[in-house]
Amino acid sequence: MRRTSAALLTAAALALAALLAPSRADAFERQWHAGASIGYAMLADSGTYPGIGGSLHLSYGLTDAFNALVELNTASHPGGDFMFLGASAGAAYVIDILQWVPYVGLMTGAYDGVRLAPCGAYGEPDCHNPQFGVSVPFGIDYAFSRDFAAGFAGKYTLLLPGEGEGPGSYLTAFVRAEFLWGY
């Protein structure tokens, strides 16, 4: 009887130790990410029309916690005959020791609001409105493997006044997929 209870106690202690043992966590430096996104885009101005947008992104792991980012994005706002183009670069803080990988960053870049309706003539708005902007990208990815991840990405961009009248800010909410290599 005593042996049985000692064996059960030992088995229970080993099972508990196995359950509570920390799992392996990997954080990668020098890892590349390349991917694409698609989703919702919103200009924050008076006559705002929601649109659909997309982006291409490339990031590189500077350390296990910080990534350098570059991004090209576009969005079409058909209700306002308007298209928005952008290119930005910056850095993000990444918690990549989990299978779910949250991140937040800071980027700066150049943007262009392109009017698709009649424009450029006397009394009509300019066809292009170049602006600089500062943005905060944020999101969460799920690493399916060391080679592929998918997730949700958002980006809030504060646009600095350009030559013409343009929106003051821009918000995107995308689903994305990316390939990973170089760990």
N, C-alpha and C. Protein backbone atom coordinates (compact mmCIF):
# COMPACT_ATOMS: atom_id res chain seq x y z
N MET A 1 0.82 -1.18 0.00
CA MET A 1 0.00 0.00 0.00
C MET A 1 0.87 1.25 0.00
N ARG A 2 1.89 1.19 0.83
CA ARG A 2 2.78 2.33 0.93
C ARG A 2 3.52 2.55 -0.39
N ARG A 3 3.94 1.46 -1.04
CA ARG A 3 4.63 1.55 -2.32
C ARG A 3 3.72 2.14 -3.39
N THR A 4 2.48 1.74 -3.40
CA THR A 4 1.53 2.22 -4.40
C THR A 4 1.30 3.72 -4.26
N SER A 5 1.10 4.20 -3.04
CA SER A 5 0.88 5.63 -2.84
C SER A 5 2.14 6.42 -3.15
N ALA A 6 3.31 5.88 -2.85
CA ALA A 6 4.57 6.56 -3.19
C ALA A 6 4.75 6.62 -4.70
N ALA A 7 4.39 5.55 -5.40
CA ALA A 7 4.50 5.52 -6.87
C ALA A 7 3.52 6.51 -7.50
N LEU A 8 2.28 6.54 -6.94
CA LEU A 8 1.29 7.49 -7.45
C LEU A 8 1.72 8.93 -7.21
N LEU A 9 2.26 9.19 -6.05
CA LEU A 9 2.74 10.52 -5.72
C LEU A 9 3.90 10.93 -6.63
N THR A 10 4.80 10.00 -6.90
CA THR A 10 5.93 10.26 -7.80
C THR A 10 5.43 10.50 -9.22
N ALA A 11 4.50 9.70 -9.69
CA ALA A 11 3.94 9.86 -11.03
C ALA A 11 3.22 11.20 -11.15
N ALA A 12 2.46 11.57 -10.12
CA ALA A 12 1.76 12.85 -10.14
C ALA A 12 2.75 14.01 -10.15
N ALA A 13 3.83 13.91 -9.37
CA ALA A 13 4.84 14.97 -9.33
C ALA A 13 5.53 15.09 -10.69
N LEU A 14 5.84 13.97 -11.33
CA LEU A 14 6.47 14.00 -12.65
C LEU A 14 5.52 14.59 -13.71
N ALA A 15 4.25 14.22 -13.65
CA ALA A 15 3.27 14.76 -14.59
C ALA A 15 3.11 16.27 -14.40
N LEU A 16 3.07 16.71 -13.16
CA LEU A 16 2.96 18.13 -12.86
C LEU A 16 4.20 18.88 -13.34
N ALA A 17 5.37 18.31 -13.12
CA ALA A 17 6.61 18.93 -13.58
C ALA A 17 6.64 19.03 -15.10
N ALA A 18 6.15 18.00 -15.79
CA ALA A 18 6.12 18.02 -17.25
C ALA A 18 5.14 19.09 -17.76
N LEU A 19 4.01 19.24 -17.08
CA LEU A 19 3.04 20.26 -17.49
C LEU A 19 3.54 21.67 -17.24
N LEU A 20 4.26 21.87 -16.16
CA LEU A 20 4.71 23.20 -15.78
C LEU A 20 6.08 23.56 -16.35
N ALA A 21 6.75 22.62 -16.96
CA ALA A 21 8.08 22.88 -17.54
C ALA A 21 7.94 23.91 -18.66
N PRO A 22 8.84 24.86 -18.73
CA PRO A 22 8.74 25.87 -19.79
C PRO A 22 8.97 25.23 -21.15
N SER A 23 8.16 25.68 -22.12
CA SER A 23 8.37 25.18 -23.47
C SER A 23 9.48 25.99 -24.14
N ARG A 24 10.01 25.47 -25.20
CA ARG A 24 11.09 26.13 -25.90
C ARG A 24 10.56 27.39 -26.58
N ALA A 25 11.27 28.49 -26.45
CA ALA A 25 10.91 29.75 -27.10
C ALA A 25 12.08 30.19 -27.97
N ASP A 26 11.76 30.60 -29.19
CA ASP A 26 12.78 31.04 -30.12
C ASP A 26 12.52 32.49 -30.52
N ALA A 27 13.52 33.31 -30.42
CA ALA A 27 13.46 34.68 -30.92
C ALA A 27 14.59 34.80 -31.93
N PHE A 28 14.29 35.38 -33.08
CA PHE A 28 15.26 35.35 -34.17
C PHE A 28 15.75 36.73 -34.55
N GLU A 29 17.06 36.86 -34.67
CA GLU A 29 17.67 38.03 -35.28
C GLU A 29 17.94 37.69 -36.73
N ARG A 30 18.15 38.67 -37.53
CA ARG A 30 18.52 38.51 -38.95
C ARG A 30 17.50 37.67 -39.72
N GLN A 31 16.26 37.69 -39.31
CA GLN A 31 15.21 36.97 -40.01
C GLN A 31 14.49 37.94 -40.96
N TRP A 32 14.26 37.51 -42.19
CA TRP A 32 13.55 38.30 -43.19
C TRP A 32 12.08 37.90 -43.21
N HIS A 33 11.21 38.89 -43.48
CA HIS A 33 9.78 38.67 -43.67
C HIS A 33 9.40 39.42 -44.95
N ALA A 34 8.72 38.77 -45.85
CA ALA A 34 8.20 39.43 -47.06
C ALA A 34 6.77 38.97 -47.25
N GLY A 35 5.87 39.93 -47.47
CA GLY A 35 4.48 39.53 -47.58
C GLY A 35 3.60 40.57 -48.23
N ALA A 36 2.32 40.25 -48.24
CA ALA A 36 1.30 41.11 -48.84
C ALA A 36 0.09 41.16 -47.93
N SER A 37 -0.66 42.27 -48.05
CA SER A 37 -1.85 42.49 -47.24
C SER A 37 -2.98 43.01 -48.11
N ILE A 38 -4.21 42.79 -47.65
CA ILE A 38 -5.37 43.35 -48.32
C ILE A 38 -6.44 43.62 -47.27
N GLY A 39 -7.23 44.69 -47.50
CA GLY A 39 -8.27 44.98 -46.52
C GLY A 39 -8.90 46.35 -46.68
N TYR A 40 -9.31 46.92 -45.57
CA TYR A 40 -10.11 48.14 -45.48
C TYR A 40 -9.22 49.36 -45.31
N ALA A 41 -9.58 50.46 -45.97
CA ALA A 41 -8.84 51.71 -45.84
C ALA A 41 -9.82 52.85 -45.63
N MET A 42 -9.46 53.82 -44.78
CA MET A 42 -10.34 54.94 -44.47
C MET A 42 -9.55 56.23 -44.38
N LEU A 43 -9.97 57.22 -45.15
CA LEU A 43 -9.42 58.57 -45.05
C LEU A 43 -10.20 59.33 -44.00
N ALA A 44 -9.51 60.12 -43.22
CA ALA A 44 -10.19 60.91 -42.19
C ALA A 44 -10.27 62.36 -42.66
N ASP A 45 -11.25 62.66 -43.42
CA ASP A 45 -11.54 64.03 -43.81
C ASP A 45 -13.04 64.16 -44.03
N SER A 46 -13.51 65.36 -44.30
CA SER A 46 -14.97 65.53 -44.49
C SER A 46 -15.38 64.86 -45.77
N GLY A 47 -15.85 64.38 -46.42
CA GLY A 47 -16.23 63.63 -47.60
C GLY A 47 -15.51 62.29 -47.67
N THR A 48 -15.29 61.69 -46.55
CA THR A 48 -14.54 60.45 -46.52
C THR A 48 -15.33 59.31 -47.13
N TYR A 49 -14.64 58.57 -47.94
CA TYR A 49 -15.22 57.37 -48.53
C TYR A 49 -14.34 56.19 -48.14
N PRO A 50 -14.93 55.14 -47.60
CA PRO A 50 -14.11 53.97 -47.31
C PRO A 50 -13.64 53.33 -48.60
N GLY A 51 -12.58 52.58 -48.51
CA GLY A 51 -12.05 51.95 -49.70
C GLY A 51 -11.43 50.61 -49.39
N ILE A 52 -10.85 50.03 -50.42
CA ILE A 52 -10.14 48.77 -50.27
C ILE A 52 -8.69 49.03 -50.64
N GLY A 53 -7.81 48.43 -49.86
CA GLY A 53 -6.39 48.69 -50.07
C GLY A 53 -5.56 47.44 -49.97
N GLY A 54 -4.30 47.62 -50.25
CA GLY A 54 -3.36 46.52 -50.15
C GLY A 54 -1.96 47.05 -49.93
N SER A 55 -1.07 46.18 -49.53
CA SER A 55 0.32 46.60 -49.31
C SER A 55 1.26 45.43 -49.52
N LEU A 56 2.49 45.78 -49.80
CA LEU A 56 3.61 44.84 -49.83
C LEU A 56 4.56 45.27 -48.73
N HIS A 57 5.09 44.34 -47.98
CA HIS A 57 6.01 44.73 -46.91
C HIS A 57 7.22 43.81 -46.88
N LEU A 58 8.31 44.37 -46.36
CA LEU A 58 9.55 43.64 -46.17
C LEU A 58 10.11 44.08 -44.83
N SER A 59 10.50 43.13 -44.00
CA SER A 59 11.11 43.50 -42.72
C SER A 59 12.32 42.62 -42.46
N TYR A 60 13.21 43.14 -41.64
CA TYR A 60 14.45 42.45 -41.31
C TYR A 60 14.68 42.56 -39.81
N GLY A 61 14.98 41.44 -39.17
CA GLY A 61 15.20 41.41 -37.72
C GLY A 61 16.55 41.99 -37.34
N LEU A 62 16.54 43.21 -36.81
CA LEU A 62 17.77 43.85 -36.35
C LEU A 62 18.28 43.18 -35.09
N THR A 63 17.36 42.89 -34.18
CA THR A 63 17.64 42.13 -32.96
C THR A 63 16.48 41.16 -32.78
N ASP A 64 16.44 40.45 -31.67
CA ASP A 64 15.30 39.57 -31.45
C ASP A 64 14.04 40.35 -31.08
N ALA A 65 14.17 41.65 -30.80
CA ALA A 65 13.02 42.46 -30.41
C ALA A 65 12.67 43.58 -31.38
N PHE A 66 13.58 43.97 -32.28
CA PHE A 66 13.32 45.08 -33.19
C PHE A 66 13.52 44.68 -34.64
N ASN A 67 12.57 45.07 -35.48
CA ASN A 67 12.65 44.82 -36.92
C ASN A 67 12.69 46.14 -37.67
N ALA A 68 13.46 46.21 -38.74
CA ALA A 68 13.40 47.32 -39.69
C ALA A 68 12.30 46.98 -40.69
N LEU A 69 11.51 47.99 -41.09
CA LEU A 69 10.36 47.76 -41.97
C LEU A 69 10.40 48.69 -43.17
N VAL A 70 9.97 48.20 -44.32
CA VAL A 70 9.64 49.04 -45.48
C VAL A 70 8.30 48.54 -46.00
N GLU A 71 7.50 49.46 -46.52
CA GLU A 71 6.16 49.10 -46.93
C GLU A 71 5.72 49.98 -48.10
N LEU A 72 5.08 49.37 -49.08
CA LEU A 72 4.43 50.07 -50.18
C LEU A 72 2.95 49.78 -50.07
N ASN A 73 2.11 50.82 -50.14
CA ASN A 73 0.68 50.56 -50.03
C ASN A 73 -0.12 51.42 -50.99
N THR A 74 -1.30 50.93 -51.28
CA THR A 74 -2.23 51.64 -52.15
C THR A 74 -3.65 51.36 -51.68
N ALA A 75 -4.53 52.28 -52.00
CA ALA A 75 -5.95 52.08 -51.68
C ALA A 75 -6.78 52.84 -52.70
N SER A 76 -7.91 52.27 -53.03
CA SER A 76 -8.84 52.89 -53.95
C SER A 76 -10.11 53.25 -53.18
N HIS A 77 -10.58 54.47 -53.42
CA HIS A 77 -11.80 54.96 -52.77
C HIS A 77 -12.77 55.33 -53.89
N PRO A 78 -13.47 54.34 -54.44
CA PRO A 78 -14.29 54.57 -55.63
C PRO A 78 -15.42 55.58 -55.44
N GLY A 79 -15.98 55.67 -54.26
CA GLY A 79 -17.07 56.63 -54.04
C GLY A 79 -16.62 58.07 -54.17
N GLY A 80 -15.33 58.32 -53.95
CA GLY A 80 -14.81 59.68 -54.06
C GLY A 80 -13.88 59.85 -55.24
N ASP A 81 -13.83 58.86 -56.13
CA ASP A 81 -12.91 58.89 -57.28
C ASP A 81 -11.51 59.28 -56.83
N PHE A 82 -11.00 58.55 -55.86
CA PHE A 82 -9.74 58.91 -55.23
C PHE A 82 -8.90 57.66 -55.02
N MET A 83 -7.60 57.79 -55.19
CA MET A 83 -6.66 56.69 -54.95
C MET A 83 -5.56 57.22 -54.06
N PHE A 84 -5.06 56.39 -53.18
CA PHE A 84 -4.03 56.80 -52.23
C PHE A 84 -2.84 55.88 -52.37
N LEU A 85 -1.64 56.43 -52.53
CA LEU A 85 -0.41 55.66 -52.68
C LEU A 85 0.56 56.05 -51.57
N GLY A 86 1.37 55.11 -51.11
CA GLY A 86 2.32 55.43 -50.05
C GLY A 86 3.52 54.52 -50.04
N ALA A 87 4.61 55.05 -49.53
CA ALA A 87 5.84 54.29 -49.30
C ALA A 87 6.41 54.77 -47.98
N SER A 88 6.72 53.85 -47.07
CA SER A 88 7.21 54.24 -45.75
C SER A 88 8.26 53.27 -45.25
N ALA A 89 9.04 53.74 -44.29
CA ALA A 89 10.09 52.92 -43.67
C ALA A 89 10.15 53.26 -42.19
N GLY A 90 10.59 52.31 -41.39
CA GLY A 90 10.69 52.54 -39.96
C GLY A 90 11.14 51.30 -39.21
N ALA A 91 10.72 51.21 -37.96
CA ALA A 91 11.10 50.09 -37.10
C ALA A 91 9.90 49.69 -36.25
N ALA A 92 9.92 48.43 -35.80
CA ALA A 92 8.84 47.91 -34.97
C ALA A 92 9.42 47.10 -33.82
N TYR A 93 8.74 47.18 -32.68
CA TYR A 93 9.05 46.32 -31.54
C TYR A 93 8.21 45.06 -31.69
N VAL A 94 8.86 43.91 -31.65
CA VAL A 94 8.22 42.62 -31.91
C VAL A 94 8.45 41.68 -30.74
N ILE A 95 7.40 41.00 -30.32
CA ILE A 95 7.53 39.95 -29.31
C ILE A 95 7.41 38.63 -30.06
N ASP A 96 8.56 38.09 -30.50
CA ASP A 96 8.50 36.91 -31.36
C ASP A 96 8.92 35.62 -30.66
N ILE A 97 8.72 35.55 -29.36
CA ILE A 97 9.05 34.31 -28.65
C ILE A 97 7.82 33.42 -28.51
N LEU A 98 6.72 33.83 -29.09
CA LEU A 98 5.47 33.08 -29.02
C LEU A 98 5.05 32.69 -30.44
N GLN A 99 4.09 31.80 -30.56
CA GLN A 99 3.57 31.47 -31.87
C GLN A 99 2.69 32.61 -32.38
N TRP A 100 2.06 33.33 -31.47
CA TRP A 100 1.36 34.57 -31.80
C TRP A 100 2.38 35.69 -31.63
N VAL A 101 2.58 36.50 -32.66
CA VAL A 101 3.64 37.51 -32.66
C VAL A 101 3.03 38.91 -32.76
N PRO A 102 2.85 39.61 -31.64
CA PRO A 102 2.35 40.98 -31.69
C PRO A 102 3.49 41.96 -31.99
N TYR A 103 3.13 43.11 -32.58
CA TYR A 103 4.13 44.13 -32.88
C TYR A 103 3.49 45.51 -32.93
N VAL A 104 4.32 46.52 -32.72
CA VAL A 104 3.93 47.92 -32.86
C VAL A 104 5.18 48.70 -33.26
N GLY A 105 5.02 49.72 -34.08
CA GLY A 105 6.21 50.42 -34.57
C GLY A 105 5.96 51.88 -34.87
N LEU A 106 6.94 52.46 -35.54
CA LEU A 106 6.89 53.86 -35.95
C LEU A 106 7.53 53.95 -37.33
N MET A 107 6.83 54.59 -38.27
CA MET A 107 7.32 54.71 -39.64
C MET A 107 7.13 56.14 -40.13
N THR A 108 7.89 56.51 -41.13
CA THR A 108 7.71 57.78 -41.81
C THR A 108 7.77 57.51 -43.31
N GLY A 109 7.08 58.34 -44.08
CA GLY A 109 7.08 58.08 -45.51
C GLY A 109 6.43 59.16 -46.32
N ALA A 110 6.37 58.90 -47.63
CA ALA A 110 5.78 59.82 -48.60
C ALA A 110 4.48 59.21 -49.12
N TYR A 111 3.48 60.05 -49.30
CA TYR A 111 2.16 59.61 -49.72
C TYR A 111 1.66 60.53 -50.82
N ASP A 112 0.76 60.01 -51.65
CA ASP A 112 0.18 60.81 -52.73
C ASP A 112 -1.30 60.48 -52.85
N GLY A 113 -2.12 61.50 -52.75
CA GLY A 113 -3.54 61.37 -52.98
C GLY A 113 -3.80 61.69 -54.44
N VAL A 114 -4.29 60.73 -55.20
CA VAL A 114 -4.50 60.88 -56.64
C VAL A 114 -6.00 60.98 -56.92
N ARG A 115 -6.41 62.07 -57.51
CA ARG A 115 -7.82 62.24 -57.90
C ARG A 115 -8.03 61.59 -59.25
N LEU A 116 -9.09 60.78 -59.36
CA LEU A 116 -9.40 60.10 -60.61
C LEU A 116 -10.52 60.80 -61.36
N ALA A 117 -11.22 61.71 -60.69
CA ALA A 117 -12.28 62.49 -61.33
C ALA A 117 -11.63 63.67 -62.06
N PRO A 118 -12.41 64.43 -62.78
CA PRO A 118 -11.81 65.60 -63.46
C PRO A 118 -11.02 66.44 -62.45
N CYS A 119 -9.80 66.76 -62.85
CA CYS A 119 -8.91 67.49 -61.95
C CYS A 119 -7.87 68.24 -62.77
N GLY A 120 -7.20 69.16 -62.11
CA GLY A 120 -6.08 69.86 -62.72
C GLY A 120 -6.44 71.09 -63.52
N ALA A 121 -7.68 71.22 -63.96
CA ALA A 121 -8.09 72.40 -64.72
C ALA A 121 -8.39 73.54 -63.75
N TYR A 122 -8.54 74.72 -64.29
CA TYR A 122 -8.84 75.89 -63.47
C TYR A 122 -10.12 75.66 -62.67
N GLY A 123 -10.07 75.91 -61.40
CA GLY A 123 -11.23 75.76 -60.52
C GLY A 123 -11.47 74.34 -60.03
N GLU A 124 -10.66 73.39 -60.46
CA GLU A 124 -10.80 72.00 -60.01
C GLU A 124 -9.61 71.65 -59.12
N PRO A 125 -9.76 70.65 -58.26
CA PRO A 125 -8.64 70.27 -57.39
C PRO A 125 -7.46 69.70 -58.20
N ASP A 126 -6.29 69.76 -57.60
CA ASP A 126 -5.10 69.17 -58.22
C ASP A 126 -5.29 67.67 -58.38
N CYS A 127 -4.63 67.10 -59.39
CA CYS A 127 -4.71 65.66 -59.62
C CYS A 127 -3.87 64.88 -58.60
N HIS A 128 -2.79 65.49 -58.11
CA HIS A 128 -1.92 64.84 -57.14
C HIS A 128 -1.77 65.74 -55.92
N ASN A 129 -1.71 65.12 -54.75
CA ASN A 129 -1.48 65.86 -53.51
C ASN A 129 -0.40 65.11 -52.71
N PRO A 130 0.89 65.40 -53.00
CA PRO A 130 1.95 64.71 -52.25
C PRO A 130 2.01 65.22 -50.81
N GLN A 131 2.20 64.29 -49.88
CA GLN A 131 2.29 64.62 -48.46
C GLN A 131 3.29 63.69 -47.79
N PHE A 132 3.88 64.17 -46.71
CA PHE A 132 4.68 63.32 -45.85
C PHE A 132 3.81 62.90 -44.68
N GLY A 133 4.14 61.76 -44.09
CA GLY A 133 3.36 61.28 -42.98
C GLY A 133 4.18 60.48 -41.99
N VAL A 134 3.65 60.40 -40.78
CA VAL A 134 4.22 59.59 -39.71
C VAL A 134 3.15 58.57 -39.34
N SER A 135 3.53 57.30 -39.26
CA SER A 135 2.53 56.28 -39.01
C SER A 135 2.94 55.33 -37.90
N VAL A 136 1.92 54.70 -37.34
CA VAL A 136 2.10 53.70 -36.29
C VAL A 136 1.51 52.39 -36.81
N PRO A 137 2.38 51.46 -37.25
CA PRO A 137 1.88 50.14 -37.64
C PRO A 137 1.71 49.26 -36.40
N PHE A 138 0.71 48.40 -36.43
CA PHE A 138 0.47 47.50 -35.31
C PHE A 138 -0.21 46.25 -35.84
N GLY A 139 -0.08 45.16 -35.11
CA GLY A 139 -0.76 43.95 -35.55
C GLY A 139 -0.34 42.74 -34.76
N ILE A 140 -0.82 41.60 -35.25
CA ILE A 140 -0.46 40.33 -34.65
C ILE A 140 -0.44 39.28 -35.77
N ASP A 141 0.60 38.48 -35.77
CA ASP A 141 0.77 37.40 -36.75
C ASP A 141 0.75 36.06 -36.02
N TYR A 142 0.33 35.05 -36.73
CA TYR A 142 0.39 33.68 -36.22
C TYR A 142 1.40 32.93 -37.06
N ALA A 143 2.45 32.41 -36.44
CA ALA A 143 3.49 31.67 -37.15
C ALA A 143 3.06 30.22 -37.31
N PHE A 144 2.61 29.88 -38.51
CA PHE A 144 2.21 28.50 -38.79
C PHE A 144 3.42 27.58 -38.81
N SER A 145 4.55 28.11 -39.26
CA SER A 145 5.80 27.36 -39.28
C SER A 145 6.93 28.39 -39.26
N ARG A 146 8.17 27.93 -39.36
CA ARG A 146 9.29 28.86 -39.43
C ARG A 146 9.34 29.58 -40.77
N ASP A 147 8.54 29.13 -41.73
CA ASP A 147 8.58 29.68 -43.07
C ASP A 147 7.36 30.50 -43.47
N PHE A 148 6.26 30.44 -42.69
CA PHE A 148 5.03 31.10 -43.11
C PHE A 148 4.25 31.61 -41.90
N ALA A 149 3.73 32.84 -42.04
CA ALA A 149 2.89 33.44 -41.00
C ALA A 149 1.74 34.21 -41.66
N ALA A 150 0.65 34.36 -40.93
CA ALA A 150 -0.49 35.14 -41.39
C ALA A 150 -1.05 35.88 -40.18
N GLY A 151 -1.72 36.99 -40.44
CA GLY A 151 -2.27 37.73 -39.31
C GLY A 151 -3.07 38.94 -39.71
N PHE A 152 -3.21 39.85 -38.76
CA PHE A 152 -3.95 41.08 -38.94
C PHE A 152 -3.00 42.25 -38.74
N ALA A 153 -3.08 43.25 -39.62
CA ALA A 153 -2.20 44.41 -39.55
C ALA A 153 -3.03 45.68 -39.63
N GLY A 154 -2.70 46.65 -38.81
CA GLY A 154 -3.32 47.95 -38.88
C GLY A 154 -2.25 49.01 -38.98
N LYS A 155 -2.64 50.18 -39.46
CA LYS A 155 -1.68 51.28 -39.56
C LYS A 155 -2.44 52.59 -39.51
N TYR A 156 -2.07 53.43 -38.56
CA TYR A 156 -2.63 54.77 -38.47
C TYR A 156 -1.56 55.75 -38.94
N THR A 157 -1.90 56.57 -39.92
CA THR A 157 -0.95 57.52 -40.49
C THR A 157 -1.46 58.94 -40.28
N LEU A 158 -0.63 59.77 -39.68
CA LEU A 158 -0.91 61.19 -39.54
C LEU A 158 -0.21 61.88 -40.70
N LEU A 159 -0.98 62.52 -41.57
CA LEU A 159 -0.44 63.16 -42.76
C LEU A 159 -0.15 64.63 -42.50
N LEU A 160 1.03 65.06 -42.85
CA LEU A 160 1.41 66.46 -42.70
C LEU A 160 0.84 67.23 -43.89
N PRO A 161 0.45 68.48 -43.70
CA PRO A 161 -0.17 69.23 -44.80
C PRO A 161 0.74 69.29 -46.03
N GLY A 162 0.13 69.04 -47.19
CA GLY A 162 0.85 69.11 -48.46
C GLY A 162 0.55 70.42 -49.16
N GLU A 163 0.78 70.45 -50.47
CA GLU A 163 0.54 71.66 -51.25
C GLU A 163 -0.95 71.98 -51.35
N GLY A 164 -1.76 70.97 -51.59
CA GLY A 164 -3.20 71.17 -51.71
C GLY A 164 -3.89 70.69 -50.47
N GLU A 165 -5.22 70.71 -50.52
CA GLU A 165 -5.98 70.17 -49.40
C GLU A 165 -6.00 68.66 -49.50
N GLY A 166 -5.76 68.02 -48.43
CA GLY A 166 -5.78 66.56 -48.41
C GLY A 166 -6.23 66.07 -47.07
N PRO A 167 -6.36 64.78 -46.94
CA PRO A 167 -6.79 64.23 -45.65
C PRO A 167 -5.73 64.47 -44.57
N GLY A 168 -6.18 64.52 -43.33
CA GLY A 168 -5.28 64.72 -42.21
C GLY A 168 -4.75 63.43 -41.63
N SER A 169 -5.48 62.33 -41.85
CA SER A 169 -5.01 61.04 -41.35
C SER A 169 -5.62 59.92 -42.19
N TYR A 170 -5.05 58.75 -42.00
CA TYR A 170 -5.40 57.60 -42.81
C TYR A 170 -5.33 56.36 -41.93
N LEU A 171 -6.27 55.46 -42.06
CA LEU A 171 -6.29 54.24 -41.25
C LEU A 171 -6.52 53.04 -42.16
N THR A 172 -5.73 52.00 -41.97
CA THR A 172 -5.93 50.76 -42.71
C THR A 172 -6.05 49.60 -41.72
N ALA A 173 -6.82 48.61 -42.11
CA ALA A 173 -6.97 47.36 -41.35
C ALA A 173 -6.93 46.23 -42.37
N PHE A 174 -5.86 45.44 -42.34
CA PHE A 174 -5.60 44.44 -43.37
C PHE A 174 -5.45 43.05 -42.77
N VAL A 175 -5.73 42.03 -43.57
CA VAL A 175 -5.28 40.68 -43.29
C VAL A 175 -4.02 40.50 -44.12
N ARG A 176 -3.07 39.72 -43.61
CA ARG A 176 -1.81 39.60 -44.32
C ARG A 176 -1.22 38.21 -44.20
N ALA A 177 -0.33 37.93 -45.14
CA ALA A 177 0.42 36.68 -45.14
C ALA A 177 1.87 37.01 -45.48
N GLU A 178 2.78 36.24 -44.93
CA GLU A 178 4.19 36.51 -45.20
C GLU A 178 5.04 35.24 -45.15
N PHE A 179 6.11 35.28 -45.93
CA PHE A 179 7.10 34.22 -45.92
C PHE A 179 8.26 34.67 -45.06
N LEU A 180 8.89 33.74 -44.35
CA LEU A 180 9.99 34.03 -43.43
C LEU A 180 11.20 33.18 -43.82
N TRP A 181 12.39 33.76 -43.68
CA TRP A 181 13.61 33.00 -43.92
C TRP A 181 14.79 33.68 -43.24
N GLY A 182 15.88 32.96 -43.10
CA GLY A 182 17.13 33.53 -42.59
C GLY A 182 17.32 33.47 -41.10
N TYR A 183 16.81 32.50 -40.38
CA TYR A 183 16.99 32.41 -38.94
C TYR A 183 18.13 31.52 -38.60
